[in-house]
Amino acid sequence: MPKWFRRKEKDIDIADAIKSGPYIPPPSRENEVQTVDVPPEFEPLFSKAEENVAKFFDNIEWDPTKGTIHIGGHRYLLISAESFQNIPFALSQDLKIPVERVNTLYYRLAKFVGQSDARRFIYAIGLTDPIAKLSAGPVHFAFTGNARVSFLPSNPEPNENYLLRYDHPQSFEADVYIRKNGATSKTPICLWNCGYSAGWCSVSFGLELDSQEIKCRAMNHKHCRFVMAPPNKLEERIKETIEEGF
């Protein structure tokens, strides 16, 4: 299977790359990051994260005769985004549970998965610095097909002042919803994106964090936009973010 990585053009078999999917040109400068949108000063850090994650995903063993997919030595599953995104509504209808309660459970599930993935990946790569752990998360998120992450002005300190603002262009939840219903939702719907990122960052900083979507493409907004902070500070940080025009 062809490998994806930020390689020099001379190292890329163009014909092979075209067969495996859309051709991604090599970076125009040494530390340019292809899977995450970050300020230039953070590019070296995220460039290293991209290198680590790419090497992890290059180690793939896909064997349909055994019904297995292993990436980096770990068992993975391919699940339809459309089926996955429909879980909260289906559970609410089937179990006669208010959708708000199901959404909370779904968020908690996503947060648990994000925490579990972070612990496993951070251990596998041997990361120790909190920012390095954080930087691996959005790249991993992109490689697993959840969404691209675009960072906005933030303050990810490992204390109660922690603030992370970010967009998820190509959120799978928004894409699926819009394809089925158009941009007609009355509320933000990217609950998995919220929970997973909060879980990963909580592990990275050893700090309890939650995330909330404040704009959503499913609501006909331009962005799927999120704010992350300690639970007791989240509403305050959301208010500040809106007042600052984000």
Protein backbone atom coordinates (compact mmCIF):
# COMPACT_ATOMS: atom_id res chain seq x y z
CA MET A 1 0.00 0.00 0.00
CA PRO A 2 1.43 3.43 -0.94
CA LYS A 3 2.62 5.47 2.02
CA TRP A 4 1.51 9.01 2.76
CA PHE A 5 4.12 11.35 4.11
CA ARG A 6 5.51 14.85 3.60
CA ARG A 7 8.17 13.69 1.21
CA LYS A 8 10.29 15.57 -1.26
CA GLU A 9 8.96 15.51 -4.80
CA LYS A 10 11.92 13.43 -5.94
CA ASP A 11 10.96 10.74 -3.42
CA ILE A 12 7.36 10.47 -4.63
CA ASP A 13 6.25 8.08 -7.33
CA ILE A 14 3.70 10.38 -8.98
CA ALA A 15 1.92 7.59 -10.85
CA ASP A 16 1.64 5.57 -7.66
CA ALA A 17 0.34 8.58 -5.72
CA ILE A 18 -2.33 9.30 -8.32
CA LYS A 19 -3.58 5.72 -8.15
CA SER A 20 -3.93 5.90 -4.36
CA GLY A 21 -5.92 9.16 -4.33
CA PRO A 22 -5.66 12.90 -5.01
CA TYR A 23 -2.06 13.98 -5.43
CA ILE A 24 -0.82 16.09 -2.50
CA PRO A 25 2.19 18.17 -3.56
CA PRO A 26 5.21 18.37 -1.28
CA PRO A 27 5.43 21.39 1.05
CA SER A 28 6.66 24.67 -0.37
CA ARG A 29 8.83 25.29 2.69
CA GLU A 30 10.58 22.98 5.13
CA ASN A 31 8.15 23.05 8.05
CA GLU A 32 4.84 23.57 6.29
CA VAL A 33 2.15 21.34 7.79
CA GLN A 34 -0.36 19.71 5.46
CA THR A 35 -2.97 18.24 7.83
CA VAL A 36 -3.56 21.05 10.37
CA ASP A 37 -3.88 24.83 10.10
CA VAL A 38 -1.56 26.45 12.67
CA PRO A 39 0.22 29.80 13.09
CA PRO A 40 3.70 29.82 11.48
CA GLU A 41 5.47 29.83 14.85
CA PHE A 42 3.93 26.43 15.66
CA GLU A 43 4.73 24.80 12.34
CA PRO A 44 7.98 23.11 13.49
CA LEU A 45 6.15 21.46 16.40
CA PHE A 46 3.22 20.29 14.29
CA SER A 47 5.57 19.27 11.50
CA LYS A 48 7.18 16.84 13.93
CA ALA A 49 3.76 15.62 15.04
CA GLU A 50 2.78 15.05 11.43
CA GLU A 51 5.96 13.05 10.90
CA ASN A 52 5.22 10.86 13.95
CA VAL A 53 1.58 10.25 13.01
CA ALA A 54 2.42 9.60 9.36
CA LYS A 55 4.97 6.95 10.31
CA PHE A 56 2.40 5.35 12.62
CA PHE A 57 -0.20 5.17 9.83
CA ASP A 58 2.34 4.03 7.26
CA ASN A 59 2.55 0.80 9.26
CA ILE A 60 -0.75 -0.63 8.03
CA GLU A 61 -1.72 -4.26 7.56
CA TRP A 62 -5.07 -4.67 5.82
CA ASP A 63 -6.12 -8.31 5.49
CA PRO A 64 -9.76 -8.87 4.43
CA THR A 65 -9.14 -12.64 4.43
CA LYS A 66 -8.83 -12.40 8.22
CA GLY A 67 -11.23 -9.51 8.65
CA THR A 68 -8.52 -7.36 10.22
CA ILE A 69 -6.97 -3.93 9.85
CA HIS A 70 -3.89 -3.18 11.95
CA ILE A 71 -2.28 0.26 12.03
CA GLY A 72 0.87 0.77 14.05
CA GLY A 73 0.30 -2.66 15.53
CA HIS A 74 -3.19 -1.75 16.80
CA ARG A 75 -6.53 -3.10 15.57
CA TYR A 76 -8.66 -0.52 13.74
CA LEU A 77 -12.18 -0.54 12.28
CA LEU A 78 -13.70 1.17 9.26
CA ILE A 79 -17.18 2.44 10.11
CA SER A 80 -19.54 4.39 7.87
CA ALA A 81 -19.60 8.04 8.94
CA GLU A 82 -23.28 8.24 8.03
CA SER A 83 -24.22 5.31 10.26
CA PHE A 84 -22.05 6.64 13.07
CA GLN A 85 -23.45 10.15 12.93
CA ASN A 86 -27.00 8.81 13.20
CA ILE A 87 -26.39 7.02 16.55
CA PRO A 88 -27.81 9.73 18.91
CA PHE A 89 -31.06 10.13 16.98
CA ALA A 90 -31.51 6.36 16.56
CA LEU A 91 -30.95 5.70 20.27
CA SER A 92 -33.34 8.46 21.25
CA GLN A 93 -36.07 7.04 19.03
CA ASP A 94 -35.49 3.38 19.91
CA LEU A 95 -35.11 3.76 23.68
CA LYS A 96 -37.58 6.65 24.06
CA ILE A 97 -34.89 8.76 25.71
CA PRO A 98 -34.86 12.55 25.28
CA VAL A 99 -32.35 13.47 22.58
CA GLU A 100 -30.62 15.91 24.95
CA ARG A 101 -29.78 13.07 27.32
CA VAL A 102 -28.56 10.85 24.48
CA ASN A 103 -26.39 13.69 23.19
CA THR A 104 -24.75 13.94 26.61
CA LEU A 105 -24.02 10.21 26.62
CA TYR A 106 -22.69 10.39 23.06
CA TYR A 107 -20.39 13.26 24.02
CA ARG A 108 -19.12 11.28 27.01
CA LEU A 109 -18.46 8.26 24.79
CA ALA A 110 -16.51 10.42 22.35
CA LYS A 111 -14.51 11.93 25.21
CA PHE A 112 -13.65 8.48 26.54
CA VAL A 113 -12.48 7.34 23.09
CA GLY A 114 -10.38 10.49 22.71
CA GLN A 115 -8.76 9.85 26.10
CA SER A 116 -8.10 6.20 25.26
CA ASP A 117 -6.62 7.02 21.83
CA ALA A 118 -4.43 9.73 23.34
CA ARG A 119 -3.01 7.45 26.04
CA ARG A 120 -2.29 4.68 23.56
CA PHE A 121 -0.75 6.92 20.91
CA ILE A 122 1.26 9.07 23.32
CA TYR A 123 2.71 5.92 24.88
CA ALA A 124 3.46 4.36 21.48
CA ILE A 125 5.32 7.46 20.26
CA GLY A 126 6.95 8.25 23.61
CA LEU A 127 5.74 11.86 23.93
CA THR A 128 6.25 13.67 27.24
CA ASP A 129 5.73 17.40 26.62
CA PRO A 130 2.06 18.48 26.97
CA ILE A 131 2.16 20.66 23.84
CA ALA A 132 3.75 17.83 21.84
CA LYS A 133 0.97 15.52 23.07
CA LEU A 134 -1.63 18.11 22.05
CA SER A 135 -0.07 18.60 18.61
CA ALA A 136 -0.36 14.89 17.81
CA GLY A 137 -4.13 14.98 18.43
CA PRO A 138 -5.29 17.13 15.48
CA VAL A 139 -2.96 15.27 13.10
CA HIS A 140 -4.29 11.92 14.32
CA PHE A 141 -7.82 13.35 13.95
CA ALA A 142 -7.10 14.19 10.31
CA PHE A 143 -5.54 10.82 9.52
CA THR A 144 -8.57 8.96 10.94
CA GLY A 145 -11.00 10.94 8.76
CA ASN A 146 -12.82 12.84 11.51
CA ALA A 147 -12.01 16.40 10.41
CA ARG A 148 -9.23 18.85 9.70
CA VAL A 149 -8.39 21.17 12.61
CA SER A 150 -7.77 24.88 12.21
CA PHE A 151 -6.52 26.69 15.32
CA LEU A 152 -7.67 30.17 16.32
CA PRO A 153 -6.00 32.47 18.87
CA SER A 154 -5.84 30.46 22.09
CA ASN A 155 -4.11 30.05 25.43
CA PRO A 156 -3.52 26.33 26.12
CA GLU A 157 -1.95 26.69 29.57
CA PRO A 158 -2.06 23.59 31.82
CA ASN A 159 -4.22 25.31 34.45
CA GLU A 160 -7.63 26.93 34.93
CA ASN A 161 -6.72 29.59 32.34
CA TYR A 162 -6.62 26.95 29.59
CA LEU A 163 -8.43 28.14 26.46
CA LEU A 164 -8.48 26.48 23.05
CA ARG A 165 -10.43 27.88 20.12
CA TYR A 166 -10.54 25.96 16.88
CA ASP A 167 -12.53 25.11 13.75
CA HIS A 168 -13.14 21.68 12.27
CA PRO A 169 -13.37 22.13 8.50
CA GLN A 170 -14.77 18.98 6.90
CA SER A 171 -16.27 17.70 10.15
CA PHE A 172 -17.71 14.31 9.24
CA GLU A 173 -20.79 15.02 11.36
CA ALA A 174 -21.61 18.28 9.59
CA ASP A 175 -20.84 16.82 6.16
CA VAL A 176 -23.17 13.87 6.69
CA TYR A 177 -25.96 16.01 8.15
CA ILE A 178 -25.80 18.54 5.31
CA ARG A 179 -25.78 15.83 2.67
CA LYS A 180 -28.93 14.29 4.16
CA ASN A 181 -30.83 17.35 5.39
CA GLY A 182 -29.17 20.48 4.10
CA ALA A 183 -27.92 23.15 6.50
CA THR A 184 -31.18 23.11 8.46
CA SER A 185 -30.22 22.15 12.04
CA LYS A 186 -31.42 24.39 14.86
CA THR A 187 -28.52 23.37 17.11
CA PRO A 188 -24.82 22.43 16.68
CA ILE A 189 -24.51 18.73 15.86
CA CYS A 190 -20.75 17.93 15.98
CA LEU A 191 -20.87 16.17 19.34
CA TRP A 192 -18.27 13.53 18.51
CA ASN A 193 -15.83 16.21 17.40
CA CYS A 194 -16.44 18.03 20.72
CA GLY A 195 -15.98 15.05 22.97
CA TYR A 196 -13.05 13.43 21.20
CA SER A 197 -10.93 16.57 21.14
CA ALA A 198 -11.75 17.33 24.79
CA GLY A 199 -10.70 13.80 25.73
CA TRP A 200 -7.39 13.96 23.88
CA CYS A 201 -6.49 17.37 25.31
CA SER A 202 -7.49 16.33 28.84
CA VAL A 203 -4.96 13.51 28.69
CA SER A 204 -2.31 15.70 27.07
CA PHE A 205 -2.38 18.28 29.86
CA GLY A 206 -3.47 16.13 32.79
CA LEU A 207 -6.36 18.56 33.14
CA GLU A 208 -10.12 18.02 33.02
CA LEU A 209 -11.39 19.84 29.92
CA ASP A 210 -14.66 20.11 28.04
CA SER A 211 -15.49 21.46 24.60
CA GLN A 212 -18.60 23.05 23.13
CA GLU A 213 -19.48 23.87 19.55
CA ILE A 214 -20.63 27.48 19.17
CA LYS A 215 -21.10 27.56 15.38
CA CYS A 216 -21.93 24.72 13.01
CA ARG A 217 -22.09 24.34 9.25
CA ALA A 218 -25.18 22.19 9.77
CA MET A 219 -26.84 25.42 11.02
CA ASN A 220 -25.69 27.23 7.86
CA HIS A 221 -22.77 28.89 9.63
CA LYS A 222 -19.51 29.30 7.74
CA HIS A 223 -17.53 27.28 10.30
CA CYS A 224 -17.86 24.45 12.76
CA ARG A 225 -16.27 26.35 15.64
CA PHE A 226 -15.39 25.11 19.12
CA VAL A 227 -14.26 26.44 22.48
CA MET A 228 -12.44 24.23 25.02
CA ALA A 229 -11.75 25.07 28.65
CA PRO A 230 -12.00 23.59 32.17
CA PRO A 231 -15.67 22.71 32.83
CA ASN A 232 -16.14 25.45 35.45
CA LYS A 233 -14.73 28.06 33.04
CA LEU A 234 -16.31 26.92 29.77
CA GLU A 235 -19.38 29.17 29.75
CA GLU A 236 -17.23 32.17 30.64
CA ARG A 237 -14.75 31.37 27.86
CA ILE A 238 -17.57 30.93 25.34
CA LYS A 239 -19.01 34.32 26.27
CA GLU A 240 -15.57 35.94 25.90
CA THR A 241 -15.03 34.24 22.55
CA ILE A 242 -18.33 35.49 21.17
CA GLU A 243 -17.73 39.01 22.52
CA GLU A 244 -14.34 39.03 20.80
CA GLY A 245 -16.00 38.29 17.48
CA PHE A 246 -15.00 34.68 16.91
